[in-house]
């Protein structure tokens, strides 16, 4: 068994703000599994419960990451994704990272 991080996508229809058509949540959870498929299955099961408890709609698991470190400690990489783009660094950051629409609290 090894560690996997799985990112799941949710929609929160009752928590959107005025002017927002949708509010999405990207949530990453950690799982011990023997494969990506096993991690996805565990994440999906938990995501359905989370969606029920948070009055959200589970859309789907969107990606997974195999943790390479033997032990989880400070500094352990728990998720990484690379995306090709034609955006320059500032435009990319302003479009995908910490935008005014992001809610971190």
Protein backbone atom coordinates (compact mmCIF):
# COMPACT_ATOMS: atom_id res chain seq x y z
CA UNK A 1 0.00 0.00 0.00
CA UNK A 2 1.19 3.48 -0.85
CA UNK A 3 -0.09 7.02 -0.37
CA UNK A 4 -2.13 8.80 -3.04
CA UNK A 5 -3.64 12.27 -3.09
CA UNK A 6 -6.93 12.55 -4.98
CA UNK A 7 -8.51 15.84 -6.02
CA UNK A 8 -12.30 15.81 -6.26
CA UNK A 9 -14.56 18.49 -7.68
CA UNK A 10 -17.74 19.67 -5.94
CA UNK A 11 -20.46 22.21 -6.69
CA UNK A 12 -22.04 24.16 -3.80
CA UNK A 13 -25.40 25.45 -5.12
CA UNK A 14 -26.47 27.04 -1.83
CA UNK A 15 -23.21 28.87 -1.06
CA UNK A 16 -22.66 30.89 -4.23
CA UNK A 17 -22.50 34.67 -3.88
CA UNK A 18 -24.49 37.27 -5.74
CA UNK A 19 -23.26 37.45 -9.30
CA UNK A 20 -21.85 33.90 -9.26
CA UNK A 21 -23.55 31.26 -11.35
CA UNK A 22 -21.68 28.47 -9.53
CA UNK A 23 -19.36 27.88 -6.60
CA UNK A 24 -16.89 25.03 -7.11
CA UNK A 25 -14.61 23.37 -4.58
CA UNK A 26 -11.48 21.42 -5.47
CA UNK A 27 -10.72 19.21 -2.46
CA UNK A 28 -7.64 17.00 -2.04
CA UNK A 29 -7.67 13.99 0.30
CA UNK A 30 -4.98 11.38 1.08
CA UNK A 31 -5.50 7.62 0.69
CA UNK A 32 -3.53 4.43 1.23
CA UNK A 33 -4.08 2.19 -1.79
CA UNK A 34 -2.32 -0.27 -4.07
CA UNK A 35 -3.12 1.69 -7.25
CA UNK A 36 -4.57 4.88 -8.67
CA UNK A 37 -7.83 3.02 -9.25
CA UNK A 38 -8.02 1.97 -5.61
CA UNK A 39 -7.35 5.52 -4.45
CA UNK A 40 -10.06 6.88 -6.77
CA UNK A 41 -12.57 4.37 -5.38
CA UNK A 42 -11.81 5.30 -1.77
CA UNK A 43 -11.91 9.02 -2.58
CA UNK A 44 -15.22 8.70 -4.42
CA UNK A 45 -16.83 6.90 -1.49
CA UNK A 46 -15.69 9.59 0.96
CA UNK A 47 -16.61 12.38 -1.49
CA UNK A 48 -20.21 11.19 -1.69
CA UNK A 49 -20.44 11.34 2.11
CA UNK A 50 -18.78 14.77 2.19
CA UNK A 51 -21.21 16.06 -0.45
CA UNK A 52 -24.18 14.84 1.57
CA UNK A 53 -22.89 16.44 4.79
CA UNK A 54 -21.92 19.74 3.14
CA UNK A 55 -25.03 20.11 0.97
CA UNK A 56 -22.88 20.04 -2.13
CA UNK A 57 -22.92 18.04 -5.35
CA UNK A 58 -20.03 15.67 -6.00
CA UNK A 59 -19.07 16.04 -9.66
CA UNK A 60 -16.15 13.61 -9.99
CA UNK A 61 -12.59 12.83 -9.00
CA UNK A 62 -10.53 14.94 -11.36
CA UNK A 63 -6.95 13.84 -10.76
CA UNK A 64 -4.69 11.81 -8.52
CA UNK A 65 -1.07 11.98 -7.46
CA UNK A 66 1.13 9.16 -6.17
CA UNK A 67 3.15 10.37 -3.17
CA UNK A 68 6.74 9.31 -3.66
CA UNK A 69 8.03 9.88 -0.13
CA UNK A 70 8.12 6.84 2.12
CA UNK A 71 6.79 8.86 5.08
CA UNK A 72 4.53 11.88 5.24
CA UNK A 73 6.39 14.66 7.05
CA UNK A 74 6.81 18.41 6.80
CA UNK A 75 7.54 19.29 3.21
CA UNK A 76 6.10 16.09 1.74
CA UNK A 77 4.79 16.82 -1.74
CA UNK A 78 1.11 15.83 -1.64
CA UNK A 79 0.00 17.07 -5.04
CA UNK A 80 1.48 18.31 -8.29
CA UNK A 81 -0.01 18.91 -11.70
CA UNK A 82 1.58 20.44 -14.77
CA UNK A 83 -0.43 22.31 -17.37
CA UNK A 84 0.80 23.57 -20.74
CA UNK A 85 -0.39 27.08 -21.54
CA UNK A 86 0.08 30.02 -23.85
CA UNK A 87 -0.40 32.42 -20.91
CA UNK A 88 2.63 34.36 -19.66
CA UNK A 89 3.35 33.78 -15.93
CA UNK A 90 1.35 36.81 -14.70
CA UNK A 91 -1.70 35.97 -16.83
CA UNK A 92 -1.55 32.32 -15.79
CA UNK A 93 -1.34 33.25 -12.10
CA UNK A 94 -4.18 35.75 -12.41
CA UNK A 95 -6.38 33.20 -14.22
CA UNK A 96 -5.75 30.01 -12.22
CA UNK A 97 -4.06 30.90 -8.91
CA UNK A 98 -5.44 32.92 -6.02
CA UNK A 99 -7.90 34.98 -8.01
CA UNK A 100 -10.38 37.38 -6.44
CA UNK A 101 -13.00 34.64 -6.81
CA UNK A 102 -11.07 32.09 -4.72
CA UNK A 103 -12.33 31.46 -1.19
CA UNK A 104 -9.69 30.01 1.09
CA UNK A 105 -11.49 30.58 4.38
